[in-house]
Protein backbone atom coordinates (compact mmCIF):
# COMPACT_ATOMS: atom_id res chain seq x y z
CA MET A 1 -59.95 153.80 -210.27
CA GLU A 2 -59.21 151.94 -207.34
CA GLN A 3 -62.50 150.14 -206.94
CA VAL A 4 -66.18 150.03 -208.36
CA ARG A 5 -68.49 149.33 -205.63
CA LEU A 6 -72.55 148.42 -205.76
CA ASP A 7 -74.51 149.44 -202.94
CA ASN A 8 -78.13 147.69 -202.60
CA ILE A 9 -78.57 147.56 -206.33
CA SER A 10 -82.12 146.40 -207.22
CA LYS A 11 -83.69 145.20 -210.78
CA ASP A 12 -87.51 144.04 -211.40
CA PHE A 13 -88.74 143.27 -214.77
CA GLY A 14 -92.43 143.19 -214.19
CA MET A 15 -93.15 140.72 -211.39
CA ILE A 16 -89.87 139.44 -211.51
CA ARG A 17 -87.08 140.42 -209.19
CA ALA A 18 -84.06 139.79 -211.16
CA LEU A 19 -81.32 141.61 -208.36
CA ASN A 20 -82.20 141.69 -205.08
CA ARG A 21 -80.19 144.63 -203.26
CA VAL A 22 -76.83 143.19 -204.49
CA ASN A 23 -73.99 144.64 -202.18
CA LEU A 24 -70.32 144.07 -203.91
CA THR A 25 -67.10 145.85 -204.19
CA PHE A 26 -65.09 144.92 -206.85
CA PRO A 27 -61.06 146.20 -206.66
CA ALA A 28 -58.31 147.16 -208.98
CA GLY A 29 -55.73 144.54 -209.66
CA LYS A 30 -58.10 141.33 -208.74
CA VAL A 31 -59.88 139.20 -211.08
CA THR A 32 -63.12 138.73 -209.40
CA ALA A 33 -65.40 135.95 -210.48
CA VAL A 34 -69.35 136.08 -210.49
CA VAL A 35 -70.99 132.66 -210.74
CA GLY A 36 -74.40 131.74 -210.72
CA GLU A 37 -76.85 129.08 -212.19
CA ASN A 38 -78.80 130.34 -215.42
CA GLY A 39 -81.09 132.97 -214.30
CA ALA A 40 -79.32 133.93 -210.84
CA GLY A 41 -78.85 137.62 -212.02
CA LYS A 42 -74.86 137.77 -213.37
CA SER A 43 -76.52 139.37 -216.99
CA THR A 44 -78.40 141.79 -215.52
CA LEU A 45 -75.56 142.69 -213.21
CA MET A 46 -73.52 143.14 -216.18
CA LYS A 47 -76.05 145.12 -218.57
CA ILE A 48 -76.49 147.44 -215.51
CA LEU A 49 -72.83 148.35 -215.34
CA MET A 50 -72.28 148.74 -219.08
CA GLY A 51 -75.39 151.32 -218.66
CA VAL A 52 -77.44 148.90 -220.91
CA ILE A 53 -80.18 149.03 -218.44
CA GLN A 54 -80.56 150.97 -215.16
CA PRO A 55 -81.52 149.62 -211.82
CA ASP A 56 -84.50 150.48 -210.00
CA THR A 57 -82.82 151.20 -206.17
CA GLY A 58 -79.25 151.63 -205.26
CA THR A 59 -76.05 153.30 -205.87
CA ILE A 60 -73.00 152.57 -208.08
CA TYR A 61 -69.55 154.30 -206.73
CA VAL A 62 -66.41 154.71 -208.46
CA ASP A 63 -63.62 155.43 -205.95
CA ASN A 64 -66.62 155.89 -203.81
CA ARG A 65 -67.97 158.51 -205.86
CA PRO A 66 -71.80 158.34 -206.72
CA VAL A 67 -72.32 157.57 -210.66
CA SER A 68 -75.36 157.14 -213.02
CA LEU A 69 -74.74 154.68 -215.55
CA ASP A 70 -77.37 156.36 -217.68
CA ASN A 71 -76.67 154.42 -220.94
CA PRO A 72 -73.40 152.72 -222.47
CA MET A 73 -71.58 156.14 -223.23
CA VAL A 74 -71.41 156.81 -219.78
CA SER A 75 -70.19 153.41 -218.66
CA ARG A 76 -67.72 153.76 -221.66
CA ARG A 77 -66.43 157.56 -220.55
CA LEU A 78 -65.74 155.75 -216.85
CA GLY A 79 -63.73 153.01 -218.53
CA PHE A 80 -65.80 150.22 -218.32
CA ALA A 81 -65.77 147.38 -221.38
CA ALA A 82 -67.33 144.18 -221.82
CA VAL A 83 -66.10 141.42 -224.13
CA PHE A 84 -68.72 138.61 -224.38
CA GLN A 85 -68.88 134.61 -225.16
CA GLU A 86 -69.81 135.88 -228.80
CA PRO A 87 -67.94 139.02 -230.06
CA LEU A 88 -70.04 142.00 -231.35
CA VAL A 89 -68.25 143.20 -234.01
CA PHE A 90 -68.94 144.77 -237.17
CA PRO A 91 -68.46 141.51 -239.80
CA TYR A 92 -68.03 143.61 -242.69
CA LEU A 93 -65.33 146.62 -241.77
CA SER A 94 -61.89 146.04 -241.44
CA VAL A 95 -59.99 145.15 -237.80
CA LEU A 96 -58.69 148.56 -237.62
CA GLU A 97 -62.19 149.97 -238.40
CA ASN A 98 -63.82 148.12 -235.55
CA LEU A 99 -60.99 149.04 -233.00
CA PHE A 100 -61.47 152.60 -233.30
CA ILE A 101 -65.51 152.37 -233.94
CA GLY A 102 -67.20 155.67 -232.53
CA HIS A 103 -63.78 157.24 -231.96
CA LEU A 104 -62.38 157.52 -235.39
CA GLU A 105 -58.84 159.64 -235.30
CA ARG A 106 -59.01 162.78 -237.71
CA ASN A 107 -56.09 165.13 -238.90
CA ARG A 108 -56.34 168.60 -239.08
CA TRP A 109 -58.09 168.73 -242.29
CA GLY A 110 -60.24 166.58 -240.79
CA ASN A 111 -60.04 163.41 -242.94
CA VAL A 112 -59.49 159.55 -240.98
CA ASP A 113 -56.47 159.48 -240.04
CA ARG A 114 -55.75 155.59 -240.38
CA ARG A 115 -51.43 156.08 -239.73
CA SER A 116 -52.22 157.67 -236.71
CA MET A 117 -54.47 154.87 -235.79
CA LYS A 118 -52.73 151.93 -237.20
CA ASN A 119 -49.69 153.40 -234.98
CA ALA A 120 -52.08 153.67 -231.70
CA ALA A 121 -52.90 149.99 -232.49
CA GLY A 122 -49.85 148.73 -233.11
CA LYS A 123 -48.46 149.02 -229.31
CA ILE A 124 -51.87 147.04 -228.19
CA MET A 125 -52.03 144.61 -230.65
CA ASP A 126 -48.22 143.69 -229.70
CA LYS A 127 -49.06 143.54 -226.30
CA LEU A 128 -51.47 141.04 -226.84
CA GLY A 129 -49.48 138.64 -229.08
CA LEU A 130 -52.01 140.00 -232.69
CA PRO A 131 -49.97 140.00 -235.84
CA GLU A 132 -50.55 143.73 -237.18
CA THR A 133 -51.20 142.42 -240.65
CA ILE A 134 -54.57 141.94 -239.60
CA MET A 135 -55.45 145.79 -239.41
CA ASP A 136 -57.02 145.46 -243.06
CA GLN A 137 -58.73 142.35 -242.77
CA GLN A 138 -62.82 142.34 -242.58
CA MET A 139 -63.60 141.02 -239.00
CA ARG A 140 -65.63 138.11 -240.38
CA ASP A 141 -62.62 136.45 -241.40
CA LEU A 142 -60.77 136.23 -238.31
CA SER A 143 -61.22 132.99 -236.09
CA LEU A 144 -63.48 133.76 -233.07
CA GLY A 145 -60.73 133.86 -230.44
CA TYR A 146 -58.76 136.48 -232.75
CA GLN A 147 -61.79 138.35 -232.73
CA GLN A 148 -62.38 138.43 -229.27
CA LEU A 149 -58.56 139.32 -228.66
CA VAL A 150 -59.57 142.39 -230.97
CA LEU A 151 -62.24 143.52 -228.61
CA ILE A 152 -59.59 143.53 -225.82
CA ALA A 153 -57.65 145.55 -227.75
CA GLN A 154 -60.48 147.94 -228.16
CA SER A 155 -61.05 148.10 -224.85
CA LEU A 156 -57.55 148.73 -223.99
CA LEU A 157 -57.28 151.51 -226.89
CA GLN A 158 -59.99 153.37 -224.89
CA ASN A 159 -58.26 153.26 -221.83
CA SER A 160 -60.83 151.02 -220.14
CA ARG A 161 -60.23 150.24 -216.10
CA LEU A 162 -62.88 148.09 -215.72
CA ILE A 163 -63.44 145.03 -218.33
CA ILE A 164 -65.91 142.35 -218.03
CA PHE A 165 -65.17 138.70 -219.65
CA ASP A 166 -68.54 137.15 -220.01
CA GLU A 167 -68.09 133.43 -220.90
CA PRO A 168 -65.13 134.14 -222.48
CA THR A 169 -63.60 130.96 -223.12
CA ALA A 170 -66.74 128.81 -224.34
CA ILE A 171 -65.27 129.21 -227.77
CA LEU A 172 -62.07 128.76 -227.02
CA SER A 173 -59.66 125.94 -227.73
CA ALA A 174 -57.01 125.21 -224.93
CA GLN A 175 -54.59 127.17 -226.78
CA GLU A 176 -56.15 130.24 -227.07
CA THR A 177 -57.47 130.13 -223.20
CA ALA A 178 -54.42 130.00 -222.04
CA HIS A 179 -53.32 132.70 -223.98
CA LEU A 180 -56.31 134.83 -222.64
CA PHE A 181 -55.23 134.07 -219.29
CA GLN A 182 -51.89 135.78 -219.36
CA ILE A 183 -53.48 138.28 -220.95
CA ILE A 184 -55.91 138.71 -218.15
CA ARG A 185 -52.91 138.41 -215.71
CA SER A 186 -50.98 141.50 -217.35
CA LEU A 187 -54.20 143.21 -217.00
CA LYS A 188 -54.42 142.49 -213.32
CA GLU A 189 -50.92 143.47 -212.67
CA SER A 190 -51.29 146.70 -214.45
CA GLY A 191 -54.07 147.49 -211.95
CA HIS A 192 -57.39 146.98 -214.15
CA ILE A 193 -60.29 145.63 -212.43
CA VAL A 194 -61.23 142.24 -214.13
CA LEU A 195 -64.87 140.98 -213.77
CA TYR A 196 -64.37 137.34 -215.07
CA VAL A 197 -68.26 135.58 -215.35
CA SER A 198 -68.33 131.86 -216.08
CA HIS A 199 -69.86 128.64 -215.71
CA ARG A 200 -66.67 126.79 -216.20
CA LEU A 201 -65.88 126.52 -212.30
CA ASP A 202 -62.74 124.38 -212.80
CA GLU A 203 -60.99 127.68 -214.46
CA LEU A 204 -61.93 129.84 -211.35
CA SER A 205 -59.18 128.25 -209.12
CA GLU A 206 -56.48 129.22 -212.12
CA ILE A 207 -57.60 132.72 -212.92
CA ALA A 208 -59.55 134.17 -209.90
CA ASP A 209 -58.14 135.81 -207.12
CA ARG A 210 -61.87 136.17 -205.37
CA ALA A 211 -65.63 135.06 -206.31
CA ALA A 212 -68.96 136.46 -205.42
CA VAL A 213 -72.30 133.70 -205.70
CA LEU A 214 -75.13 135.24 -207.15
CA THR A 215 -78.57 132.57 -206.29
CA ASP A 216 -82.04 134.39 -207.83
CA GLY A 217 -80.77 137.50 -207.47
CA GLN A 218 -78.97 137.56 -204.38
CA VAL A 219 -75.29 137.75 -203.10
CA VAL A 220 -75.25 134.61 -201.21
CA ALA A 221 -71.36 134.33 -200.73
CA VAL A 222 -68.04 136.63 -201.46
CA TYR A 223 -65.01 134.71 -201.47
CA GLU A 224 -62.06 136.99 -200.78
CA GLU A 225 -59.59 134.74 -201.26
CA PRO A 226 -59.41 131.83 -203.65
CA SER A 227 -60.09 128.99 -201.25
CA TRP A 228 -63.21 127.56 -202.43
CA SER A 229 -63.94 124.51 -203.87
CA SER A 230 -65.77 123.77 -206.83
CA GLU A 231 -68.22 121.38 -204.96
CA GLU A 232 -68.95 124.59 -202.48
CA LEU A 233 -69.36 126.90 -205.14
CA VAL A 234 -71.94 124.28 -206.47
CA GLU A 235 -73.82 124.18 -203.18
CA LYS A 236 -73.99 128.10 -202.81
CA MET A 237 -75.23 128.58 -206.44
CA SER A 238 -78.13 125.70 -205.55
CA GLY A 239 -79.40 126.79 -202.09
CA GLN A 240 -77.19 124.21 -200.55
CA ARG A 241 -80.06 121.65 -201.43
CA ARG A 242 -78.59 118.12 -200.98
CA TYR A 243 -79.68 114.75 -202.61
CA SER A 244 -79.16 111.36 -202.39
CA ILE A 245 -78.18 108.74 -205.32
CA ASP A 246 -79.94 105.87 -206.09
CA ALA A 247 -78.19 105.06 -209.47
CA GLY A 248 -80.76 103.09 -211.47
CA ASN A 249 -83.46 102.95 -209.04
CA GLY A 250 -85.15 105.76 -209.11
CA LYS A 251 -89.16 105.74 -209.75
CA GLU A 252 -90.82 107.36 -212.46
CA SER A 253 -93.68 109.97 -211.63
CA THR A 254 -96.07 110.29 -214.27
CA PRO A 255 -99.97 110.17 -214.42
CA HIS A 256 -100.35 107.24 -216.91
CA ALA A 257 -98.54 104.19 -216.95
CA VAL A 258 -95.29 104.41 -219.31
CA PRO A 259 -96.63 104.67 -222.95
CA SER A 260 -94.31 103.10 -225.73
CA SER A 261 -91.03 104.68 -227.15
CA TYR A 262 -92.51 107.36 -230.06
CA LEU A 263 -89.54 109.20 -230.90
CA VAL A 264 -86.05 107.58 -230.92
CA VAL A 265 -82.64 109.34 -231.26
CA LYS A 266 -79.42 107.66 -232.31
CA ASN A 267 -76.01 108.92 -232.62
CA LEU A 268 -77.17 112.03 -233.68
CA THR A 269 -74.51 114.29 -235.26
CA ASN A 270 -73.41 117.84 -236.22
CA TYR A 271 -70.07 118.48 -236.84
CA SER A 272 -69.86 121.69 -235.25
CA CYS A 273 -72.64 121.62 -232.64
CA PHE A 274 -73.25 118.41 -231.18
CA GLN A 275 -72.20 114.85 -231.24
CA ASP A 276 -73.87 111.41 -230.70
CA ILE A 277 -76.83 112.69 -229.27
CA THR A 278 -78.96 109.27 -228.17
CA PHE A 279 -81.86 109.39 -226.46
CA GLU A 280 -85.71 108.60 -226.36
CA ALA A 281 -89.03 110.50 -225.96
CA ARG A 282 -92.54 109.02 -225.25
CA SER A 283 -95.70 110.45 -225.89
CA SER A 284 -97.70 111.25 -222.74
CA GLU A 285 -94.29 112.42 -220.99
CA ILE A 286 -92.02 115.37 -220.62
CA ILE A 287 -88.49 115.29 -221.51
CA GLY A 288 -86.11 118.21 -220.70
CA PHE A 289 -83.06 119.41 -221.80
CA TYR A 290 -80.89 121.46 -219.63
CA GLY A 291 -77.24 122.88 -219.88
CA GLN A 292 -75.29 126.15 -219.59
CA VAL A 293 -74.86 128.58 -222.35
CA GLY A 294 -72.72 126.80 -225.63
CA ALA A 295 -74.13 123.34 -224.56
CA GLY A 296 -75.71 122.47 -228.08
CA ARG A 297 -79.32 122.00 -226.81
CA SER A 298 -80.85 124.70 -229.43
CA GLU A 299 -79.15 123.71 -232.24
CA LEU A 300 -79.83 119.96 -231.63
CA MET A 301 -83.62 121.27 -231.47
CA GLN A 302 -83.34 123.13 -234.82
CA ALA A 303 -81.24 119.76 -236.39
CA LEU A 304 -84.65 117.94 -234.90
CA PHE A 305 -86.58 120.74 -236.85
CA GLY A 306 -84.72 120.55 -240.11
CA MET A 307 -83.07 123.70 -239.13
CA ARG A 308 -79.46 122.19 -239.17
CA GLN A 309 -77.83 119.63 -241.28
CA ILE A 310 -77.46 116.68 -239.68
CA ASN A 311 -73.77 114.25 -240.58
CA ARG A 312 -74.52 111.49 -238.75
CA GLY A 313 -77.18 108.93 -236.87
CA GLN A 314 -80.73 108.67 -237.04
CA ILE A 315 -84.29 109.90 -236.02
CA THR A 316 -87.36 107.55 -235.61
CA LEU A 317 -90.66 108.50 -235.30
CA ASN A 318 -93.36 105.85 -234.92
CA ASP A 319 -91.21 103.28 -236.45
CA GLU A 320 -90.22 105.34 -239.41
CA VAL A 321 -86.64 106.54 -240.11
CA ILE A 322 -87.06 110.29 -240.75
CA LYS A 323 -84.46 112.76 -241.99
CA PRO A 324 -85.89 116.22 -241.90
CA LYS A 325 -84.23 118.28 -244.64
CA ASN A 326 -85.81 121.59 -243.71
CA PRO A 327 -88.76 122.57 -241.71
CA ARG A 328 -91.31 121.84 -244.24
CA ASP A 329 -90.44 118.44 -244.28
CA ALA A 330 -89.82 118.01 -240.51
CA MET A 331 -93.61 119.40 -240.28
CA SER A 332 -94.97 116.92 -242.65
CA HIS A 333 -93.56 114.55 -240.10
CA GLY A 334 -95.53 115.86 -237.30
CA ILE A 335 -92.86 117.96 -235.54
CA ALA A 336 -93.61 121.63 -234.19
CA TYR A 337 -90.90 123.79 -232.82
CA LEU A 338 -91.27 126.63 -230.81
CA PRO A 339 -87.90 128.46 -230.90
CA GLU A 340 -86.08 130.46 -228.26
CA ASP A 341 -86.38 133.96 -230.19
CA ARG A 342 -90.12 134.31 -230.80
CA GLY A 343 -89.43 138.10 -232.31
CA GLU A 344 -86.65 136.83 -234.74
CA GLN A 345 -87.09 133.77 -235.89
CA GLY A 346 -91.34 132.93 -234.44
CA LEU A 347 -93.49 135.87 -235.43
CA PHE A 348 -94.37 138.32 -237.49
CA LEU A 349 -94.87 141.14 -235.04
CA SER A 350 -96.55 144.02 -237.52
CA GLN A 351 -99.28 141.27 -238.70
CA SER A 352 -102.35 140.20 -236.97
CA ILE A 353 -102.58 137.25 -234.68
CA LEU A 354 -104.63 135.19 -237.46
CA ARG A 355 -102.22 136.12 -240.10
CA ASN A 356 -99.61 134.50 -237.72
CA THR A 357 -101.94 131.56 -236.67
CA LEU A 358 -102.23 130.53 -240.51
CA ALA A 359 -98.40 131.46 -240.66
CA GLY A 360 -97.37 127.73 -241.16
CA ASN A 361 -100.93 126.11 -242.02
CA LEU A 362 -101.31 127.20 -245.57
CA ASP A 363 -101.84 123.50 -246.76
CA SER A 364 -104.11 122.86 -244.36
CA TYR A 365 -106.48 125.70 -244.80
CA ASN A 366 -106.17 125.83 -248.87
CA LYS A 367 -109.25 124.76 -250.59
CA GLY A 368 -108.21 124.61 -254.74
CA GLY A 369 -106.08 127.61 -254.47
CA LEU A 370 -108.44 129.73 -252.18
CA LEU A 371 -107.52 129.78 -248.30
CA LYS A 372 -110.71 129.18 -246.21
CA LEU A 373 -110.11 132.29 -244.16
CA SER A 374 -113.50 131.96 -242.17
CA SER A 375 -112.48 128.20 -240.98
CA ILE A 376 -109.08 130.06 -239.58
CA ARG A 377 -110.73 131.94 -237.97
CA VAL A 378 -113.05 130.39 -235.88
CA THR A 379 -110.16 128.21 -235.00
CA THR A 380 -108.27 131.02 -234.42
CA ASP A 381 -110.68 132.69 -231.99
CA ARG A 382 -111.43 129.09 -230.53
CA LEU A 383 -107.62 128.76 -229.49
CA ILE A 384 -107.39 132.65 -228.32
CA ARG A 385 -110.14 131.31 -225.73
CA ARG A 386 -108.57 128.33 -224.95
CA LEU A 387 -105.06 129.77 -224.52
CA ALA A 388 -106.72 133.01 -222.60
CA ILE A 389 -104.84 135.54 -225.04
CA LYS A 390 -105.81 138.94 -224.04
CA THR A 391 -107.01 140.67 -227.08
CA SER A 392 -110.20 142.65 -228.48
CA SER A 393 -109.94 140.44 -231.62
CA SER A 394 -107.80 138.24 -233.74
CA ASP A 395 -106.96 141.02 -236.49
CA ASN A 396 -104.73 142.74 -234.06
CA PRO A 397 -101.29 142.76 -234.43
CA VAL A 398 -99.03 140.34 -232.85
CA GLY A 399 -96.83 143.20 -231.51
CA SER A 400 -99.37 145.03 -229.28
CA LEU A 401 -99.62 141.55 -227.29
CA SER A 402 -97.40 141.08 -224.14
CA GLY A 403 -94.22 138.69 -223.94
CA GLY A 404 -96.51 135.78 -222.83
CA GLY A 405 -99.25 136.79 -225.08
CA GLN A 406 -96.81 136.49 -228.24
CA GLN A 407 -95.62 132.85 -226.74
CA LYS A 408 -98.99 131.75 -226.53
CA VAL A 409 -99.72 132.65 -230.13
CA LEU A 410 -97.43 130.73 -231.20
CA PHE A 411 -98.86 127.54 -229.30
CA ALA A 412 -101.84 128.51 -231.44
CA ARG A 413 -100.32 128.20 -234.48
CA TRP A 414 -98.95 124.43 -233.92
CA LEU A 415 -102.33 123.68 -232.28
CA ALA A 416 -104.23 124.95 -235.11
CA ARG A 417 -102.42 122.18 -237.30
CA GLN A 418 -103.70 118.68 -238.02
CA GLY A 419 -101.36 115.96 -237.75
CA MET A 420 -98.47 117.16 -235.18
CA ARG A 421 -97.22 114.90 -232.70
CA VAL A 422 -93.98 115.92 -231.22
CA MET A 423 -93.91 119.85 -229.76
CA ILE A 424 -90.49 120.60 -228.64
CA PHE A 425 -90.25 124.30 -226.76
CA ASP A 426 -86.87 125.82 -227.00
CA GLU A 427 -87.11 128.52 -223.82
CA PRO A 428 -90.78 128.75 -223.64
CA THR A 429 -91.12 131.24 -220.86
CA ARG A 430 -88.15 133.10 -221.41
CA GLY A 431 -89.43 137.07 -220.82
CA ILE A 432 -92.80 136.13 -219.27
CA ASP A 433 -94.36 137.12 -216.22
CA VAL A 434 -95.02 134.90 -213.23
CA ALA A 435 -98.59 134.55 -213.67
CA THR A 436 -98.34 133.68 -217.84
CA LYS A 437 -95.42 131.18 -217.18
CA ARG A 438 -97.64 128.98 -214.89
CA GLU A 439 -100.09 129.16 -217.68
CA ILE A 440 -97.87 128.12 -220.18
CA HIS A 441 -96.55 125.48 -217.89
CA GLU A 442 -100.41 124.23 -217.42
CA LEU A 443 -100.56 124.24 -221.07
CA ILE A 444 -97.52 121.93 -221.49
CA LYS A 445 -98.78 119.61 -218.86
CA ASN A 446 -102.16 119.33 -220.64
CA LEU A 447 -100.32 118.62 -224.28
CA ALA A 448 -98.60 115.71 -222.77
CA GLN A 449 -101.51 114.20 -221.25
CA GLU A 450 -103.28 114.41 -224.54
CA GLY A 451 -100.63 111.96 -225.93
CA TYR A 452 -98.03 114.35 -227.51
CA VAL A 453 -94.10 113.92 -227.43
CA VAL A 454 -93.41 116.90 -224.86
CA ILE A 455 -89.26 118.18 -225.07
CA THR A 456 -88.59 121.13 -223.17
CA VAL A 457 -85.03 123.24 -223.43
CA SER A 458 -84.58 125.53 -220.95
CA SER A 459 -81.91 127.58 -219.22
CA ASP A 460 -84.24 127.86 -216.15
CA LEU A 461 -83.49 125.07 -213.96
CA PRO A 462 -86.37 125.53 -211.76
CA GLU A 463 -88.51 125.25 -214.56
CA ILE A 464 -86.98 122.09 -216.01
CA LEU A 465 -87.58 120.56 -212.47
CA ALA A 466 -90.86 121.71 -212.77
CA LEU A 467 -91.72 120.17 -215.92
CA SER A 468 -89.89 117.29 -216.61
CA THR A 469 -90.33 113.47 -216.26
CA ARG A 470 -86.76 113.16 -217.27
CA ILE A 471 -84.16 115.43 -217.93
CA TYR A 472 -81.08 115.16 -220.35
CA VAL A 473 -78.23 117.22 -219.40
CA MET A 474 -75.74 118.79 -222.04
CA ARG A 475 -72.73 120.28 -221.92
CA GLU A 476 -70.14 120.91 -225.08
CA GLY A 477 -72.18 119.24 -227.43
CA ARG A 478 -73.10 116.22 -225.65
CA ILE A 479 -75.22 114.19 -223.24
CA VAL A 480 -73.26 114.09 -220.05
CA ALA A 481 -75.87 112.19 -217.80
CA GLN A 482 -79.78 111.38 -217.58
CA PHE A 483 -81.37 111.90 -214.41
CA VAL A 484 -85.37 110.47 -213.52
CA ASN A 485 -86.81 113.61 -211.92
CA TYR A 486 -87.76 111.80 -208.29
CA GLY A 487 -86.48 113.26 -205.54
CA ASP A 488 -84.54 116.45 -205.29
CA VAL A 489 -82.01 116.11 -208.34
CA ARG A 490 -81.32 120.08 -208.81
CA GLU A 491 -77.87 119.78 -207.72
CA GLY A 492 -77.03 116.69 -209.48
CA VAL A 493 -78.43 118.41 -212.46
CA LEU A 494 -76.41 121.27 -211.96
CA LYS A 495 -73.13 119.61 -211.36
CA ALA A 496 -73.53 117.76 -214.73
CA SER A 497 -73.73 120.86 -216.65
CA LEU A 498 -70.85 122.40 -215.37
CA GLY A 499 -68.85 119.41 -215.39
CA ILE A 500 -68.50 118.28 -211.88
CA SER A 501 -68.26 115.18 -210.94
CA ILE A 502 -71.36 113.63 -208.87
CA ASN A 503 -70.16 111.62 -205.64
CA GLY A 504 -67.83 109.65 -207.08
CA LEU A 505 -69.88 109.08 -210.29
CA PRO A 506 -67.77 110.43 -213.88
CA GLU A 507 -68.41 113.16 -215.07
CA THR A 508 -70.29 111.67 -218.48
CA GLY A 509 -73.08 109.07 -218.56
CA VAL A 510 -74.18 109.46 -215.39
CA ASN A 511 -78.05 107.58 -215.57
CA ILE A 512 -80.02 108.98 -211.79
């Protein structure tokens, strides 16, 4: 395999165009970096190459021969492999079984030939610096760095010629990163095609030979030589929008006078996820949290909702110090959380809209041990009308609704509960069409105007900019910058999330 070429690849998800006529070539013996801000289309591009989804238009060529990547098995047979940020493994199977999953070697009697498998794996593992003694260990017993190396070994055992590394160093130590880079250089020298997807722009000059920049699903720049600077890449990623810094002199644009403090978080720490988080959120304003994958935003919100342990720090709500031990405790203090994954963490998809609205509200509609179903039905029907949920009945299952309708049911659950004061929205419009996205944005703004404390977490930078009064940027578990959302701060927010200094200001502690 000498090259893989994408010709006019486009992909739509409903009304959202994820990729728009993408033309890219990935040559053998080169490391090609693919960069872009959240939502630029990188993940869609990788999924197309791995056969997980198919493009709507365009052609993929392998050595000038058109191919159809109809499913992941086709991609695997062509020699395509991917190593993701969080290793996708079978934790309770052995390392050896993970290495040969889907293609176990068998002897002439049809039995699994572990000796032959160990011999074949041993050569690869020695090349990667992995001890052969781990082959019989369960994958769950290995560090994430070792799990990642096992997946690289798996791709080499399958004679993969194109290997995608998706945010590979986000979970690695400096020593593990150095080892990984050594392996990637070895792969390049042996003629592999390497795609390297990363938000850590400072790494690219060290590991990449060429780079492609995606913005809003389009290729806006291709560098055939490592002549780029981090500043230049950020300008391309952000659409070359510039802004001027007036540190400390920004004006806050809000519909009301600045209210008094409502929620105060000081030095909040979870040793494994985030450290020394300090911020304030006031009623009638929308606070935005932005950061790249692994920045710790969702983990922070889950701690506020009692889903994660707080090792150190303090939360004050209306002058009362609280420390939510679990979600029920957080709810008793008036804190609501709409999770990032509504299907897995938020909704009972096979149950009715009525029952999903009732979930979390049993104490509000409980009278003498009996549920007041008539009251919850009146409330649910009222919220269906208010939120414009498209359904014929509150008895219909939530799974029958669109993604936007399902998200609105989560809104309904918390609006049905009395005494809520803080609304936390984690990726509130992920997987939702443009029209419903606008509706949800308006709903969030209305909740702020009604006096709720509103905190929004999003990987969609335009969404954060459109909604937020103030923006906190997180990187590697810490708040590294705070912006008053006045004027064009897009590039500054993006730079802070990537760890790039802003016009001479330091990487941390920026207050703009």
